Amino acid sequence: MIEELKKLGLSHYESKVLEVLLKENLSLKELSKKSGVPFGKIYSIVKLLKEKGLVKENNSRPKLVYVENASEAISKLMKEKQEKERGMNEKLREIATEIDKSKDKPTSFFQVGTTIEDNKKIQLRTFAEAESEVLQILNLHHKPKLNRASKTLWEKEIVNAVKRGVVFKAIYPKEAELPKIIKKLNKSQPNKFQVKRLDTDFARCDIIDGKKVLIKLTYQDPLQFGGVLFVENEKLADNLTKIFNEMWEQAG
């Protein structure tokens, strides 16, 4: 477990100490012996772990060091690692995007489409790049019978994604008829392609793997197409995932 704890951001000594404390409450002397950390370093290591909110001490004599809840301690480390990685990813995207701009090159992290043809190409990214999960909100203005050629292409890519193991959750308007390909997929792979019904005016969007988002600016008149945005940003994806989950609970 020591290597796993190190990957979550702890030092070698911190990992050795925490591994022991996850299982039992110990005095500093006992902790040094069981963890293999020199006694001269135990106090400072325990202090660091206390500052990180991972361990506590009681008031007995001698004092005992302990982990109050193992799963909460590990969850805290995992969350902190995710936040650090998210911040690092955002910074690297900014740097890469600026480099692309300076060379007059497009960036895959932020793509804007203003035409129906753009929409066709960018929408395909959702299904081609998905690795584990796609959450879809199709609002009241969704018209499955329009632009059938493009939609059939997308639907075939959804089938391919499901074959790769991608799980889809889709919110459709209550009265919208599912296209044949999607209806068949929903029946044959109900655990891989799940559909619920809800009438919403929320923006038509896809959330891909919790880090990429596709948003379509559409209106009830299909000729009034505002455009499409494809953004790779975990915070935006997280915000939209929370909204999706609320809708999913409301949907029938």
Protein backbone atom coordinates (compact mmCIF):
# COMPACT_ATOMS: atom_id res chain seq x y z
CA MET A 1 0.00 0.00 0.00
CA ILE A 2 2.99 2.28 0.50
CA GLU A 3 3.49 2.82 -3.23
CA GLU A 4 -0.19 3.69 -3.67
CA LEU A 5 -0.03 6.25 -0.85
CA LYS A 6 3.09 7.79 -2.41
CA LYS A 7 1.18 8.14 -5.68
CA LEU A 8 -1.46 10.07 -3.75
CA GLY A 9 1.15 12.65 -2.76
CA LEU A 10 2.68 11.42 0.50
CA SER A 11 6.41 11.10 1.12
CA HIS A 12 8.00 7.69 1.68
CA TYR A 13 8.05 8.09 5.48
CA GLU A 14 4.54 9.57 5.57
CA SER A 15 3.28 6.60 3.57
CA LYS A 16 4.94 4.06 5.88
CA VAL A 17 3.51 5.74 8.98
CA LEU A 18 0.01 6.16 7.59
CA GLU A 19 -0.11 2.58 6.35
CA VAL A 20 0.43 1.37 9.93
CA LEU A 21 -1.95 3.89 11.51
CA LEU A 22 -4.77 2.96 9.16
CA LYS A 23 -4.86 -0.41 10.98
CA GLU A 24 -4.12 0.42 14.64
CA ASN A 25 -3.59 3.13 17.27
CA LEU A 26 0.00 3.42 18.47
CA SER A 27 2.34 5.47 20.63
CA LEU A 28 5.21 7.25 18.91
CA LYS A 29 7.65 4.60 20.11
CA GLU A 30 5.45 1.75 18.86
CA LEU A 31 4.82 3.58 15.62
CA SER A 32 8.53 3.99 14.97
CA LYS A 33 9.14 0.30 15.55
CA LYS A 34 6.25 -0.96 13.39
CA SER A 35 6.67 1.50 10.53
CA GLY A 36 10.47 1.28 10.36
CA VAL A 37 10.75 5.09 10.50
CA PRO A 38 13.61 6.26 12.78
CA PHE A 39 12.33 7.49 16.16
CA GLY A 40 14.07 10.81 15.61
CA LYS A 41 11.81 11.46 12.61
CA ILE A 42 8.52 10.07 13.91
CA TYR A 43 7.39 13.26 15.67
CA SER A 44 7.88 15.46 12.59
CA ILE A 45 6.17 12.92 10.29
CA VAL A 46 3.16 12.63 12.61
CA LYS A 47 3.01 16.42 12.81
CA LEU A 48 2.86 16.66 9.00
CA LEU A 49 0.11 14.05 8.83
CA LYS A 50 -1.85 15.89 11.53
CA GLU A 51 -1.53 19.16 9.59
CA LYS A 52 -2.93 17.36 6.55
CA GLY A 53 -5.90 16.22 8.60
CA LEU A 54 -5.07 12.53 8.18
CA VAL A 55 -4.23 11.49 11.76
CA LYS A 56 -5.06 12.55 15.33
CA GLU A 57 -3.61 12.14 18.83
CA ASN A 58 -5.47 11.40 22.06
CA ASN A 59 -4.63 12.65 25.56
CA SER A 60 -3.58 9.34 27.10
CA ARG A 61 -0.13 8.68 28.52
CA PRO A 62 1.68 7.92 26.37
CA LYS A 63 -0.31 9.65 23.65
CA LEU A 64 -1.68 7.41 20.95
CA VAL A 65 -1.69 8.40 17.30
CA TYR A 66 -4.62 7.15 15.22
CA VAL A 67 -6.67 7.49 12.06
CA GLU A 68 -10.28 8.18 12.95
CA ASN A 69 -11.74 6.84 9.70
CA ALA A 70 -9.62 5.03 7.11
CA SER A 71 -11.97 5.59 4.15
CA GLU A 72 -12.28 9.32 4.92
CA ALA A 73 -8.49 9.68 5.11
CA ILE A 74 -7.98 7.95 1.77
CA SER A 75 -10.84 9.91 0.19
CA LYS A 76 -9.21 13.14 1.35
CA LEU A 77 -5.92 12.19 -0.30
CA MET A 78 -7.68 11.16 -3.52
CA LYS A 79 -9.62 14.42 -3.68
CA GLU A 80 -6.49 16.52 -3.11
CA LYS A 81 -4.66 14.60 -5.84
CA GLN A 82 -7.57 15.12 -8.25
CA GLU A 83 -7.62 18.86 -7.51
CA LYS A 84 -3.87 19.14 -8.09
CA GLU A 85 -4.13 17.21 -11.35
CA ARG A 86 -7.07 19.33 -12.45
CA GLY A 87 -5.11 22.52 -11.82
CA MET A 88 -2.07 21.12 -13.63
CA ASN A 89 -4.20 20.03 -16.60
CA GLU A 90 -5.78 23.48 -16.88
CA LYS A 91 -2.37 25.14 -16.80
CA LEU A 92 -0.96 22.81 -19.46
CA ARG A 93 -3.99 23.37 -21.67
CA GLU A 94 -3.53 27.13 -21.39
CA ILE A 95 0.15 26.85 -22.32
CA ALA A 96 -0.51 24.51 -25.26
CA THR A 97 -3.37 26.69 -26.51
CA GLU A 98 -1.20 29.81 -26.42
CA ILE A 99 1.53 28.00 -28.36
CA ASP A 100 -1.00 26.89 -30.98
CA LYS A 101 -2.34 30.43 -31.26
CA SER A 102 1.16 31.85 -31.74
CA LYS A 103 1.62 29.43 -34.66
CA ASP A 104 -1.86 30.14 -36.00
CA LYS A 105 -2.85 26.52 -35.36
CA PRO A 106 -6.22 25.21 -34.10
CA THR A 107 -6.45 23.82 -30.55
CA SER A 108 -8.30 20.62 -29.71
CA PHE A 109 -9.03 21.89 -26.18
CA PHE A 110 -11.47 24.54 -27.36
CA GLN A 111 -13.29 24.27 -30.66
CA VAL A 112 -16.03 26.55 -31.98
CA GLY A 113 -18.35 25.66 -34.83
CA THR A 114 -20.63 28.16 -36.54
CA THR A 115 -22.11 26.13 -39.37
CA ILE A 116 -24.15 22.93 -39.74
CA GLU A 117 -21.06 21.27 -41.24
CA ASP A 118 -19.03 22.30 -38.18
CA ASN A 119 -21.76 20.83 -36.00
CA LYS A 120 -21.56 17.53 -37.86
CA LYS A 121 -17.78 17.21 -37.41
CA ILE A 122 -17.58 18.45 -33.84
CA GLN A 123 -20.45 16.27 -32.62
CA LEU A 124 -18.54 13.23 -33.87
CA ARG A 125 -15.79 14.05 -31.36
CA THR A 126 -18.15 13.20 -28.53
CA PHE A 127 -18.59 9.63 -29.67
CA ALA A 128 -15.13 9.06 -31.16
CA GLU A 129 -13.19 10.36 -28.14
CA ALA A 130 -15.38 8.95 -25.35
CA GLU A 131 -13.59 6.32 -23.27
CA SER A 132 -15.95 5.47 -20.42
CA GLU A 133 -19.11 7.62 -20.15
CA VAL A 134 -21.23 10.12 -22.05
CA LEU A 135 -24.08 12.06 -20.42
CA GLN A 136 -26.49 13.67 -22.88
CA ILE A 137 -29.19 16.31 -22.40
CA LEU A 138 -31.48 16.64 -25.42
CA ASN A 139 -33.87 19.49 -24.79
CA LEU A 140 -37.40 20.31 -25.96
CA HIS A 141 -36.06 21.68 -29.24
CA HIS A 142 -34.54 18.32 -30.22
CA LYS A 143 -36.00 17.16 -33.53
CA PRO A 144 -34.71 13.64 -34.31
CA LYS A 145 -36.24 13.54 -37.80
CA LEU A 146 -34.37 16.61 -39.06
CA ASN A 147 -30.89 16.40 -40.58
CA ARG A 148 -31.22 12.59 -40.72
CA ALA A 149 -28.00 11.98 -42.65
CA SER A 150 -25.84 13.54 -39.94
CA LYS A 151 -27.87 12.01 -37.12
CA THR A 152 -27.58 8.53 -38.64
CA LEU A 153 -23.80 8.98 -38.78
CA TRP A 154 -23.73 10.02 -35.12
CA GLU A 155 -26.00 7.14 -34.09
CA LYS A 156 -23.68 4.62 -35.75
CA GLU A 157 -20.76 6.14 -33.85
CA ILE A 158 -22.74 5.81 -30.61
CA VAL A 159 -23.14 2.08 -31.37
CA ASN A 160 -19.38 1.82 -31.96
CA ALA A 161 -18.69 3.62 -28.68
CA VAL A 162 -20.98 1.26 -26.76
CA LYS A 163 -19.13 -1.69 -28.34
CA ARG A 164 -15.91 -0.19 -26.92
CA GLY A 165 -17.50 -0.20 -23.47
CA VAL A 166 -18.69 3.41 -23.25
CA VAL A 167 -21.83 3.87 -21.12
CA PHE A 168 -24.41 6.41 -22.28
CA LYS A 169 -27.08 8.11 -20.20
CA ALA A 170 -29.42 10.23 -22.31
CA ILE A 171 -32.27 12.53 -21.31
CA TYR A 172 -34.80 12.86 -24.14
CA PRO A 173 -37.94 15.04 -24.31
CA LYS A 174 -41.07 13.17 -23.23
CA GLU A 175 -42.67 13.09 -26.68
CA ALA A 176 -39.53 12.66 -28.80
CA GLU A 177 -39.51 9.41 -30.74
CA LEU A 178 -36.25 7.51 -30.43
CA PRO A 179 -34.53 6.89 -33.78
CA LYS A 180 -34.52 3.23 -34.85
CA ILE A 181 -30.81 2.71 -34.17
CA ILE A 182 -31.06 4.24 -30.69
CA LYS A 183 -34.28 2.37 -29.87
CA LYS A 184 -32.63 -0.92 -30.84
CA LEU A 185 -29.53 -0.08 -28.82
CA ASN A 186 -31.62 0.83 -25.78
CA LYS A 187 -33.39 -2.54 -25.95
CA SER A 188 -30.32 -4.68 -26.65
CA GLN A 189 -27.92 -2.86 -24.29
CA PRO A 190 -30.12 -1.34 -21.53
CA ASN A 191 -27.20 -1.14 -19.11
CA LYS A 192 -24.93 0.51 -21.67
CA PHE A 193 -27.43 2.93 -23.23
CA GLN A 194 -29.94 4.27 -20.74
CA VAL A 195 -32.73 6.68 -21.61
CA LYS A 196 -34.93 8.80 -19.36
CA ARG A 197 -37.58 11.36 -20.29
CA LEU A 198 -37.77 14.99 -19.21
CA ASP A 199 -38.92 18.18 -20.92
CA THR A 200 -36.27 20.84 -20.35
CA ASP A 201 -35.13 24.10 -21.94
CA PHE A 202 -31.59 23.53 -20.70
CA ALA A 203 -28.85 23.77 -23.32
CA ARG A 204 -28.34 20.73 -25.52
CA CYS A 205 -25.09 19.25 -24.26
CA ASP A 206 -22.88 16.18 -23.94
CA ILE A 207 -20.52 15.57 -21.03
CA ILE A 208 -17.71 13.21 -22.00
CA ASP A 209 -15.68 11.24 -19.44
CA GLY A 210 -16.14 13.99 -16.84
CA LYS A 211 -13.68 16.29 -18.60
CA LYS A 212 -14.99 17.30 -22.03
CA VAL A 213 -18.18 19.16 -22.88
CA LEU A 214 -20.07 19.76 -26.10
CA ILE A 215 -22.71 22.50 -26.02
CA LYS A 216 -25.08 23.29 -28.88
CA LEU A 217 -26.75 26.68 -29.16
CA THR A 218 -30.03 25.80 -30.82
CA TYR A 219 -33.57 27.15 -30.90
CA GLN A 220 -36.98 25.70 -31.74
CA ASP A 221 -36.53 26.93 -35.29
CA PRO A 222 -33.85 24.57 -36.74
CA LEU A 223 -32.70 27.31 -39.10
CA GLN A 224 -31.65 29.42 -36.10
CA PHE A 225 -28.43 27.58 -35.32
CA GLY A 226 -26.22 29.61 -33.00
CA GLY A 227 -23.23 27.33 -33.08
CA VAL A 228 -21.48 24.54 -31.21
CA LEU A 229 -18.73 24.62 -28.58
CA PHE A 230 -16.40 21.77 -27.63
CA VAL A 231 -14.46 22.46 -24.44
CA GLU A 232 -12.05 20.30 -22.45
CA ASN A 233 -12.41 21.55 -18.89
CA GLU A 234 -13.02 19.40 -15.79
CA LYS A 235 -14.67 22.18 -13.75
CA LEU A 236 -17.21 22.91 -16.47
CA ALA A 237 -17.83 19.18 -16.90
CA ASP A 238 -18.28 18.80 -13.14
CA ASN A 239 -20.81 21.65 -12.99
CA LEU A 240 -22.83 20.20 -15.86
CA THR A 241 -22.62 16.68 -14.42
CA LYS A 242 -24.27 17.91 -11.22
CA ILE A 243 -27.07 19.50 -13.25
CA PHE A 244 -27.43 16.34 -15.33
CA ASN A 245 -27.69 14.16 -12.21
CA GLU A 246 -30.42 16.41 -10.80
CA MET A 247 -32.35 16.12 -14.07
CA TRP A 248 -31.75 12.36 -14.17
CA GLU A 249 -33.37 12.01 -10.75
CA GLN A 250 -36.38 14.06 -11.87
CA ALA A 251 -36.78 12.26 -15.20
CA GLY A 252 -39.15 9.36 -15.74
